[in-house]
Protein backbone atom coordinates (compact mmCIF):
# COMPACT_ATOMS: atom_id res chain seq x y z
CA MET A 1 152.50 -17.75 98.22
CA ILE A 2 148.86 -17.72 96.34
CA THR A 3 148.13 -20.79 98.28
CA ILE A 4 149.21 -19.45 101.55
CA ALA A 5 147.27 -16.20 100.96
CA PHE A 6 144.20 -18.84 100.07
CA TYR A 7 144.32 -20.73 103.69
CA LEU A 8 145.04 -17.79 105.63
CA PHE A 9 141.95 -15.51 104.05
CA TRP A 10 139.32 -18.18 104.74
CA LEU A 11 140.83 -18.81 108.14
CA SER A 12 140.98 -14.74 108.99
CA LEU A 13 137.41 -14.79 107.73
CA ALA A 14 135.93 -17.72 109.87
CA LEU A 15 137.87 -16.20 112.95
CA VAL A 16 136.32 -12.98 112.53
CA VAL A 17 133.08 -14.17 111.76
CA TYR A 18 132.99 -16.69 114.16
CA THR A 19 134.09 -13.93 116.95
CA TYR A 20 131.59 -11.43 116.23
CA VAL A 21 128.49 -13.07 114.87
CA GLY A 22 128.86 -16.96 115.39
CA TYR A 23 129.94 -17.25 118.92
CA GLY A 24 126.66 -15.13 119.64
CA LEU A 25 124.57 -17.27 117.75
CA ILE A 26 125.86 -20.64 119.32
CA ILE A 27 125.65 -19.52 122.63
CA TYR A 28 121.94 -18.30 122.02
CA ILE A 29 120.94 -21.82 121.03
CA MET A 30 122.72 -23.41 124.05
CA GLY A 31 121.33 -20.93 126.15
CA ARG A 32 117.47 -21.72 124.88
CA PHE A 33 117.95 -25.45 125.10
CA PHE A 34 120.37 -26.25 127.79
CA GLY A 35 120.33 -22.92 129.85
CA LYS A 36 118.83 -21.96 133.15
CA ASN A 37 115.35 -20.34 132.88
CA ASN A 38 114.19 -19.62 136.45
CA PRO A 39 114.85 -16.67 138.17
CA PRO A 40 115.74 -16.49 141.86
CA VAL A 41 113.27 -15.21 144.45
CA THR A 42 114.04 -11.68 146.25
CA PRO A 43 113.89 -12.94 149.97
CA PRO A 44 111.76 -10.81 152.23
CA ASP A 45 113.45 -7.86 153.75
CA SER A 46 114.10 -9.99 157.18
CA GLU A 47 115.99 -12.51 155.22
CA LEU A 48 118.44 -9.94 153.27
CA PRO A 49 121.84 -9.99 154.27
CA GLU A 50 123.84 -7.12 155.24
CA ILE A 51 125.99 -5.87 152.40
CA THR A 52 128.92 -3.66 151.78
CA LEU A 53 128.58 -1.01 149.11
CA LEU A 54 131.78 0.23 148.07
CA VAL A 55 132.17 3.14 146.11
CA ALA A 56 136.07 4.08 144.65
CA ALA A 57 136.17 7.82 144.04
CA TYR A 58 139.59 9.25 142.89
CA ASN A 59 138.69 13.54 142.57
CA GLU A 60 134.87 13.02 142.48
CA GLU A 61 133.22 16.14 143.78
CA SER A 62 131.21 16.59 140.59
CA TYR A 63 129.30 13.23 141.06
CA ILE A 64 129.59 12.19 144.56
CA VAL A 65 127.07 14.01 146.04
CA GLN A 66 124.51 12.59 143.46
CA LYS A 67 126.31 9.08 143.92
CA ILE A 68 125.65 9.06 147.77
CA GLU A 69 121.83 10.28 147.35
CA ASN A 70 121.47 8.02 144.75
CA SER A 71 123.12 5.23 146.95
CA LEU A 72 121.01 6.20 150.06
CA SER A 73 117.83 6.17 148.36
CA LEU A 74 118.06 2.32 146.74
CA ASP A 75 115.32 -0.20 148.01
CA TYR A 76 117.06 -1.91 150.56
CA PRO A 77 116.96 -2.07 154.41
CA ALA A 78 118.78 0.92 156.03
CA SER A 79 119.90 -0.75 158.81
CA LYS A 80 121.97 -3.77 156.43
CA LEU A 81 123.48 -1.11 153.94
CA HIS A 82 126.81 -0.22 154.69
CA LEU A 83 128.28 2.72 152.39
CA TRP A 84 131.84 2.72 152.03
CA ILE A 85 133.59 5.26 149.79
CA VAL A 86 137.29 4.75 149.58
CA ALA A 87 138.57 8.41 148.18
CA ASP A 88 142.37 7.56 148.69
CA GLY A 89 144.66 10.46 146.60
CA SER A 90 141.80 12.84 145.98
CA THR A 91 143.05 16.43 146.01
CA ASP A 92 139.58 18.28 145.31
CA ARG A 93 136.38 17.99 147.54
CA THR A 94 135.56 14.47 147.60
CA VAL A 95 136.12 13.76 151.03
CA GLU A 96 134.98 17.14 152.83
CA PHE A 97 131.37 15.92 150.60
CA CYS A 98 131.56 12.26 152.08
CA GLN A 99 131.98 13.25 155.68
CA LYS A 100 128.63 15.34 155.19
CA TYR A 101 126.82 11.89 155.39
CA PRO A 102 127.21 10.30 158.94
CA THR A 103 125.78 7.22 157.61
CA VAL A 104 128.33 7.04 155.38
CA THR A 105 132.14 5.61 156.17
CA VAL A 106 134.68 7.58 153.80
CA PHE A 107 138.29 6.16 153.72
CA TYR A 108 141.30 8.31 152.64
CA SER A 109 144.99 7.73 152.16
CA PRO A 110 146.89 10.87 150.61
CA GLY A 111 148.90 8.49 148.32
CA ARG A 112 147.31 7.50 144.90
CA LYS A 113 148.30 3.92 144.23
CA GLY A 114 145.44 3.17 141.91
CA LYS A 115 142.21 1.95 142.01
CA ILE A 116 142.93 -1.71 143.01
CA HIS A 117 145.47 -0.83 145.58
CA ALA A 118 142.74 1.45 147.10
CA VAL A 119 140.24 -1.50 147.00
CA ASN A 120 142.13 -4.26 148.39
CA ARG A 121 143.20 -2.11 151.74
CA VAL A 122 139.87 -1.21 152.30
CA MET A 123 138.56 -4.87 151.63
CA GLN A 124 140.46 -6.16 154.50
CA GLU A 125 137.93 -4.59 156.77
CA VAL A 126 134.87 -5.45 155.45
CA LYS A 127 132.92 -7.90 157.33
CA THR A 128 129.43 -8.30 155.57
CA PRO A 129 129.17 -11.85 153.67
CA VAL A 130 128.52 -9.72 150.44
CA VAL A 131 130.12 -6.58 148.86
CA ILE A 132 128.74 -4.76 145.60
CA PHE A 133 131.43 -2.62 143.68
CA SER A 134 130.44 0.42 141.99
CA ASP A 135 131.69 3.37 140.16
CA ALA A 136 131.32 7.11 141.58
CA ASN A 137 130.14 8.36 138.48
CA THR A 138 126.95 6.11 137.89
CA ASP A 139 123.24 5.98 139.32
CA LEU A 140 121.76 2.80 140.22
CA ASN A 141 118.14 1.57 139.76
CA THR A 142 115.82 1.30 142.59
CA ASN A 143 116.08 -2.55 142.86
CA ALA A 144 119.53 -3.03 142.00
CA LEU A 145 120.71 -4.13 145.22
CA LYS A 146 117.85 -6.44 146.01
CA ASN A 147 118.24 -7.78 142.74
CA ILE A 148 121.70 -8.65 142.38
CA VAL A 149 121.57 -10.03 146.33
CA ARG A 150 118.70 -12.42 145.35
CA HIS A 151 121.08 -14.41 143.10
CA PHE A 152 123.16 -15.34 146.53
CA THR A 153 120.45 -17.69 147.94
CA ASP A 154 122.09 -20.18 145.36
CA PRO A 155 125.32 -21.23 147.11
CA ASN A 156 126.79 -22.11 143.38
CA VAL A 157 126.76 -17.94 142.97
CA GLY A 158 130.05 -16.47 143.98
CA GLY A 159 129.07 -13.15 142.19
CA VAL A 160 126.91 -11.46 140.16
CA ALA A 161 127.81 -9.14 137.34
CA GLY A 162 125.11 -6.00 137.14
CA GLU A 163 124.50 -4.35 133.56
CA LYS A 164 126.05 -1.16 132.48
CA ARG A 165 123.66 1.17 130.39
CA ILE A 166 125.04 4.43 128.83
CA VAL A 167 122.44 6.84 128.18
CA SER A 168 121.29 7.37 124.76
CA LEU A 169 120.91 10.94 123.62
CA THR A 170 118.53 11.61 120.55
CA GLN A 171 121.95 12.68 118.44
CA ASP A 172 125.36 11.63 119.65
CA ASN A 173 129.12 11.55 118.20
CA ALA A 174 131.13 8.33 117.27
CA SER A 175 131.77 8.11 121.23
CA GLY A 176 128.32 8.11 122.33
CA SER A 177 126.90 5.89 119.47
CA GLY A 178 129.28 3.39 119.38
CA GLU A 179 129.91 3.12 123.15
CA GLY A 180 126.13 2.39 123.37
CA LEU A 181 125.63 0.07 120.78
CA TYR A 182 128.39 -1.77 121.91
CA TRP A 183 127.38 -2.31 125.26
CA LYS A 184 124.14 -3.35 124.40
CA TYR A 185 125.75 -6.25 122.12
CA GLU A 186 128.03 -7.00 125.45
CA SER A 187 124.88 -7.11 127.79
CA ALA A 188 123.50 -9.20 125.49
CA LEU A 189 126.34 -11.75 125.46
CA LYS A 190 126.72 -11.87 128.95
CA MET A 191 123.21 -12.71 129.76
CA LEU A 192 123.46 -15.59 127.18
CA ASP A 193 126.88 -16.44 128.72
CA SER A 194 125.10 -16.29 132.23
CA LYS A 195 122.21 -18.48 131.32
CA PHE A 196 124.19 -21.27 129.81
CA THR A 197 126.91 -21.61 132.46
CA THR A 198 128.25 -18.43 133.77
CA ALA A 199 128.88 -14.74 132.75
CA ILE A 200 132.42 -14.11 131.40
CA GLY A 201 133.52 -11.08 133.54
CA ALA A 202 131.88 -8.20 135.02
CA ALA A 203 131.57 -4.21 134.22
CA GLY A 204 133.50 -2.36 137.25
CA GLU A 205 130.45 0.03 136.71
CA LEU A 206 128.34 -2.69 139.45
CA PHE A 207 129.08 -6.07 140.31
CA ALA A 208 128.83 -8.11 143.74
CA VAL A 209 131.00 -11.13 145.31
CA ARG A 210 130.95 -13.24 148.19
CA THR A 211 133.31 -11.59 150.23
CA GLU A 212 135.01 -14.69 151.61
CA LEU A 213 135.66 -15.48 148.01
CA TYR A 214 137.48 -11.86 147.09
CA ILE A 215 141.26 -12.47 146.24
CA ASN A 216 143.23 -9.27 146.21
CA PRO A 217 144.64 -8.96 142.46
CA HIS A 218 147.88 -7.54 142.37
CA THR A 219 148.32 -4.19 142.71
CA ASP A 220 149.46 -3.69 138.95
CA THR A 221 146.25 -5.04 137.47
CA ILE A 222 145.05 -3.32 134.87
CA ILE A 223 141.23 -4.40 134.68
CA GLU A 224 140.07 -5.48 137.98
CA ASP A 225 136.91 -6.21 137.41
CA PHE A 226 137.57 -8.73 134.99
CA VAL A 227 140.30 -10.57 136.49
CA THR A 228 138.20 -10.83 140.17
CA SER A 229 135.04 -12.14 138.71
CA MET A 230 137.11 -14.76 136.49
CA LYS A 231 139.12 -15.50 139.49
CA ILE A 232 135.96 -16.32 141.40
CA VAL A 233 134.93 -18.48 138.07
CA ALA A 234 138.28 -20.09 138.12
CA ALA A 235 137.65 -21.21 141.73
CA GLY A 236 134.70 -23.24 140.67
CA TYR A 237 132.04 -20.62 141.12
CA ARG A 238 129.28 -19.34 139.24
CA PHE A 239 129.20 -15.92 138.24
CA ALA A 240 125.71 -14.74 137.67
CA TYR A 241 124.07 -11.92 135.32
CA GLU A 242 121.15 -9.44 136.44
CA PRO A 243 119.80 -7.07 133.80
CA ASP A 244 117.34 -6.04 136.37
CA ALA A 245 120.31 -4.64 138.43
CA TYR A 246 122.07 -1.62 136.35
CA ALA A 247 124.14 1.40 136.22
CA ILE A 248 123.28 4.38 134.31
CA GLU A 249 126.33 6.79 133.08
CA THR A 250 126.78 9.01 129.92
CA ALA A 251 129.51 7.85 127.08
CA SER A 252 132.92 9.38 127.30
CA ALA A 253 132.73 12.91 126.24
CA SER A 254 134.86 12.59 123.15
CA ILE A 255 136.40 9.76 120.97
CA LYS A 256 139.98 10.68 122.33
CA ASP A 257 138.45 10.03 125.95
CA GLU A 258 136.69 6.61 124.45
CA TRP A 259 140.23 5.96 122.69
CA LYS A 260 142.28 5.97 126.06
CA ARG A 261 139.71 4.43 127.53
CA LYS A 262 139.89 1.38 124.75
CA VAL A 263 143.59 1.25 124.71
CA ARG A 264 143.69 0.67 128.28
CA ILE A 265 141.37 -2.13 128.66
CA SER A 266 143.13 -3.62 125.46
CA ALA A 267 146.12 -3.81 127.48
CA GLY A 268 144.29 -5.18 130.63
CA GLY A 269 142.61 -7.53 128.53
CA ILE A 270 145.86 -9.28 127.37
CA GLN A 271 147.77 -8.96 130.70
CA ALA A 272 144.47 -10.76 131.94
CA ILE A 273 144.97 -13.52 129.49
CA MET A 274 148.16 -14.08 130.74
CA ARG A 275 147.29 -13.88 134.38
CA LEU A 276 144.06 -16.34 133.99
CA PRO A 277 146.01 -19.47 132.02
CA GLU A 278 143.91 -22.01 134.01
CA LEU A 279 141.16 -20.86 132.29
CA LEU A 280 142.31 -22.62 128.97
CA ASN A 281 142.29 -25.89 131.08
CA VAL A 282 139.52 -27.34 128.80
CA PHE A 283 139.46 -30.69 130.84
CA LYS A 284 138.99 -29.01 133.94
CA TYR A 285 136.66 -26.16 133.13
CA GLY A 286 134.75 -27.44 129.99
CA TRP A 287 132.17 -25.35 128.34
CA VAL A 288 133.36 -22.22 130.34
CA SER A 289 136.79 -22.49 128.91
CA TRP A 290 135.19 -22.11 125.48
CA GLN A 291 133.16 -19.69 126.63
CA TYR A 292 136.03 -17.67 127.98
CA VAL A 293 138.33 -18.00 124.94
CA SER A 294 135.50 -17.20 122.29
CA HIS A 295 133.85 -14.19 124.20
CA ARG A 296 137.00 -12.35 125.43
CA ALA A 297 140.27 -13.84 124.75
CA MET A 298 139.98 -13.78 120.94
CA ARG A 299 138.85 -10.30 121.13
CA TRP A 300 142.00 -9.38 123.06
CA SER A 301 144.53 -11.56 120.58
CA VAL A 302 143.53 -13.21 117.50
CA ALA A 303 140.41 -11.09 116.09
CA PRO A 304 142.17 -7.86 115.62
CA LEU A 305 145.40 -10.09 114.06
CA ALA A 306 142.60 -11.64 111.95
CA LEU A 307 141.09 -8.38 110.58
CA ALA A 308 144.50 -7.34 109.33
CA THR A 309 145.53 -10.40 107.56
CA LEU A 310 141.96 -10.76 105.85
CA LEU A 311 142.23 -7.66 104.21
CA VAL A 312 145.67 -8.29 103.45
CA THR A 313 145.16 -11.64 101.73
CA ASN A 314 141.97 -10.17 99.96
CA ILE A 315 144.38 -8.02 97.81
CA ILE A 316 147.08 -10.94 97.55
CA LEU A 317 143.95 -12.87 95.81
CA LEU A 318 142.29 -10.39 94.13
CA PRO A 319 143.21 -11.47 90.54
CA GLN A 320 141.95 -14.79 91.55
CA SER A 321 138.57 -14.77 91.07
CA VAL A 322 135.42 -12.31 90.94
CA PHE A 323 134.57 -13.65 94.67
CA TYR A 324 137.71 -11.59 95.83
CA THR A 325 136.91 -8.85 93.91
CA LEU A 326 133.72 -8.33 95.73
CA THR A 327 134.94 -9.05 99.34
CA LEU A 328 137.81 -6.72 98.93
CA ILE A 329 134.91 -4.02 97.52
CA ALA A 330 133.04 -4.97 100.92
CA GLN A 331 136.19 -4.48 103.08
CA SER A 332 137.14 -1.44 101.58
CA ALA A 333 133.22 0.19 101.92
CA PHE A 334 133.75 -0.57 105.41
CA TYR A 335 136.85 0.93 106.34
CA ILE A 336 135.84 4.09 104.11
CA LEU A 337 133.10 4.47 106.35
CA ALA A 338 135.08 4.06 109.53
CA VAL A 339 137.46 7.04 107.44
CA VAL A 340 134.41 8.79 107.39
CA GLY A 341 133.42 8.28 110.63
CA HIS A 342 136.80 9.38 111.84
CA LEU A 343 136.42 12.50 110.16
CA VAL A 344 132.95 13.11 111.47
CA ARG A 345 133.63 11.59 114.92
CA GLU A 346 132.72 14.72 117.23
CA LYS A 347 129.67 15.64 115.07
CA LYS A 348 126.01 15.05 116.57
CA ILE A 349 123.68 13.03 114.56
CA THR A 350 120.64 11.35 114.51
CA ILE A 351 121.72 7.98 112.90
CA LYS A 352 123.90 6.26 115.54
CA GLY A 353 124.57 3.18 113.48
CA PHE A 354 126.26 5.48 111.12
CA PHE A 355 129.50 5.48 113.54
CA ILE A 356 129.71 1.30 113.81
CA PRO A 357 132.51 0.54 111.42
CA TYR A 358 134.21 3.78 112.56
CA TYR A 359 133.97 2.24 116.31
CA PHE A 360 134.71 -1.31 115.44
CA THR A 361 137.58 -0.40 113.58
CA MET A 362 138.68 2.00 116.50
CA MET A 363 138.22 -0.75 119.12
CA ASN A 364 140.24 -3.44 117.31
CA VAL A 365 142.82 -0.96 116.58
CA SER A 366 143.28 0.04 120.49
CA VAL A 367 144.26 -4.07 120.80
CA PHE A 368 147.54 -3.19 119.11
CA ALA A 369 147.89 0.05 120.58
CA GLY A 370 147.25 -1.66 124.18
CA ALA A 371 149.80 -4.47 123.17
CA LEU A 372 152.43 -2.26 122.57
CA ARG A 373 151.83 -0.26 125.92
CA LEU A 374 151.86 -3.21 127.81
CA LEU A 375 155.01 -4.58 125.94
CA ARG A 376 156.77 -1.16 126.92
CA ARG A 377 155.38 -1.08 130.16
CA LYS A 378 153.22 2.30 129.57
CA GLN A 379 150.10 1.20 130.81
CA SER A 380 150.19 2.32 134.54
CA VAL A 381 147.68 1.05 137.11
CA VAL A 382 147.24 4.44 137.98
CA TRP A 383 145.06 6.05 135.31
CA GLU A 384 143.47 9.08 134.14
CA LYS A 385 140.09 9.57 133.74
CA SER A 386 137.91 9.98 130.68
CA ALA A 387 135.42 13.03 130.88
CA ARG A 388 131.90 11.77 130.29
CA ALA A 389 129.51 13.38 127.82
CA GLU A 390 126.87 15.93 129.61
CA LYS A 391 123.31 14.38 129.74
C-alpha cells in the first residue's frame, strides 16, 4: 500500500507541475529558440480580401446595437466587409434592431437548435474567402480585422485566433478575478504555442478561418470553436495567434454563472478529445500532438485526477517523513484558501490573486461535473447564457 502510494504521489505531482507550470516553461524555451519571429505585414487596402464577419446572437437585444456599431466602425474597407448576424430562436428584439441597419444581413429561423446549427446553416451562404466569427456581447479593437487578415498571406495558415480580454475592474469578485487571470495565462500559452508551431484552439469570441477549410462540426458539438480550429490543424494547416486582434467582454456576473460556463466547457473538452483522436498520432503530427496533449487534453482529463490522487496519497504517506508533512500542510493551506474564497466569492476585493486557489479548484472540480453531465447526456448543445458583469 505504501509503495503504491509513493509512486502515485510522485507521478501525480509530476503531472500537476508539468500541466500547469512545466509545459509553459518548455514551450517558452522552444518558441524562443525555434519559433517564428517575423510578424506578417498588413497588405494595402486595395489588396485586402473580402471578409464576412459572422455574429451569432440569441436574445442579445441588450448588446446587439453596440455590437453592430462597433463592427461597422472597425478599420476595414466598407466595400469588403460583410456583417452577418444569425439570430435563430431569438424571442426578443434582436432581429428588429438588426433590421434597422441596411448594411447588415440578418438571418433568422424561429427554431432554437443551438449556435453551431445556426452557424452551419449560414456558412453555406458565405462567398468570401475568409470568415471571422465573433460573439455578440464583445467589442473588437479598431484594427482587429486587418491584424487577423494579414496572417492569411501565408498559404500555410488555415485560421487565426484572436485574443480574449476580460475587463479588469479595480475591485472584482471571485468570478471576475479568476476569469481575468485565467485568460491572461491562457493567452500567453496560445502565443507561445503559435510561435512554435500552431495555436492550440481558438476562443469563440474572435477567430477566423479560410472559408474553404470550414468543416461543419456535428450539431451536438459543445465547444465548436475549439473543434473547428483543431480540425483545420488536423488537416495540415497552421492556426496563427494574433494578440493585437482582441475581443473585450466583462467577466461572468457571478460565480454561479461562471460555474455553469466551466462545466459546459469541461464537458465539451472531454467530448472534443473523443472527437479528435487523430491529433494523438504523434507520428503524423509530431510536436503538434505534444502541444495538444500538454496544453489541452491533460487539463480536461489527467490533471484533475492527479490533483485528487496527490491529496489522498499525501495523507497515506504522512507518517513516512517530514517532507510529506510539509507537502500536506502546503496542500491543506491551498484548499483552505479555496474554501475561504468560496465563502467570500461574491465579495469585491482589490487583491485579485486572493481568489486564485478558489478559481483553480473550481476549474478542476468542474471537469468531474462536466464528465458526469456528458456521461448522463445532460449537457445540451443549446445552452443557457451566463450573465456578464456590468462595467
